[in-house]
């Protein structure tokens, strides 16, 4: 299962149900295409890219990082709702 948590600017943000054992992060997909993603850790002091298997351009990555920075707290709360409250 790969829930979409947010859609902004042609990007979809979500995670995989099997991600529960990992630190808080989000996968970013190009639209609804789930074949590859970029993965970002949602750290206390910002966001950090883990990988870019979707091969987003540097311009797209800047947009994504800005979106993630603005919405970090919301995404972290939704992560906890999905993984912790569902136990």
Protein backbone atom coordinates (compact mmCIF):
# COMPACT_ATOMS: atom_id res chain seq x y z
CA UNK A 1 0.00 0.00 0.00
CA UNK A 2 1.31 3.42 -0.92
CA UNK A 3 -0.95 6.15 0.45
CA UNK A 4 -0.80 9.57 -1.13
CA UNK A 5 -0.55 12.09 1.68
CA UNK A 6 -0.34 15.28 -0.36
CA UNK A 7 -0.45 16.48 -3.99
CA UNK A 8 1.23 19.75 -4.91
CA UNK A 9 2.70 21.11 -8.14
CA UNK A 10 2.47 17.88 -10.11
CA UNK A 11 4.16 15.89 -7.35
CA UNK A 12 2.61 13.30 -5.05
CA UNK A 13 3.97 12.71 -1.57
CA UNK A 14 3.54 9.53 0.42
CA UNK A 15 5.15 6.42 1.82
CA UNK A 16 4.89 2.66 1.71
CA UNK A 17 3.19 0.62 4.43
CA UNK A 18 6.43 -1.31 4.95
CA UNK A 19 8.33 1.88 5.87
CA UNK A 20 7.22 1.74 9.53
CA UNK A 21 10.60 0.60 10.88
CA UNK A 22 12.45 3.53 9.30
CA UNK A 23 12.87 7.10 10.54
CA UNK A 24 10.23 9.60 9.38
CA UNK A 25 10.52 10.23 5.66
CA UNK A 26 8.48 10.79 2.52
CA UNK A 27 8.67 9.50 -1.03
CA UNK A 28 8.01 11.97 -3.82
CA UNK A 29 6.51 10.71 -7.06
CA UNK A 30 6.05 12.37 -10.42
CA UNK A 31 2.25 12.52 -10.53
CA UNK A 32 0.61 9.17 -9.89
CA UNK A 33 3.56 7.19 -11.32
CA UNK A 34 4.76 4.89 -8.51
CA UNK A 35 7.53 3.18 -10.48
CA UNK A 36 10.24 5.38 -8.92
CA UNK A 37 10.58 8.11 -6.36
CA UNK A 38 12.89 10.46 -4.56
CA UNK A 39 13.11 9.81 -0.83
CA UNK A 40 13.58 12.56 1.74
CA UNK A 41 14.22 12.22 5.47
CA UNK A 42 12.11 14.65 7.52
CA UNK A 43 14.66 15.73 10.14
CA UNK A 44 14.05 18.06 13.07
CA UNK A 45 16.09 20.78 11.42
CA UNK A 46 14.95 20.34 7.83
CA UNK A 47 14.76 17.81 5.04
CA UNK A 48 17.54 15.69 3.57
CA UNK A 49 17.41 13.74 0.32
CA UNK A 50 18.24 10.05 0.61
CA UNK A 51 17.93 9.17 -3.08
CA UNK A 52 16.57 10.44 -6.38
CA UNK A 53 15.63 7.27 -8.27
CA UNK A 54 12.90 9.26 -10.07
CA UNK A 55 15.66 11.37 -11.62
CA UNK A 56 14.05 14.71 -10.82
CA UNK A 57 15.94 17.66 -12.27
CA UNK A 58 17.80 20.06 -9.99
CA UNK A 59 15.00 22.59 -10.50
CA UNK A 60 12.36 20.04 -9.54
CA UNK A 61 14.37 19.05 -6.48
CA UNK A 62 14.53 22.68 -5.35
CA UNK A 63 10.73 22.92 -5.69
CA UNK A 64 10.25 19.64 -3.83
CA UNK A 65 12.57 20.68 -1.01
CA UNK A 66 10.69 23.97 -0.62
CA UNK A 67 7.33 22.15 -0.54
CA UNK A 68 8.69 19.71 2.03
CA UNK A 69 10.16 22.46 4.20
CA UNK A 70 6.86 24.34 4.27
CA UNK A 71 4.82 21.19 4.97
CA UNK A 72 7.29 19.27 7.15
CA UNK A 73 5.25 19.43 10.38
CA UNK A 74 2.07 18.31 8.62
CA UNK A 75 3.87 15.38 6.98
CA UNK A 76 5.46 14.29 10.26
CA UNK A 77 2.04 14.41 11.97
CA UNK A 78 0.49 12.33 9.18
CA UNK A 79 3.37 9.83 9.40
CA UNK A 80 2.67 9.37 13.11
CA UNK A 81 -1.08 9.09 12.46
CA UNK A 82 -0.49 6.40 9.83
CA UNK A 83 2.24 4.34 11.50
CA UNK A 84 1.77 4.88 15.22
CA UNK A 85 -1.96 5.40 15.65
CA UNK A 86 -2.70 2.43 13.43
CA UNK A 87 -0.93 -0.02 15.78
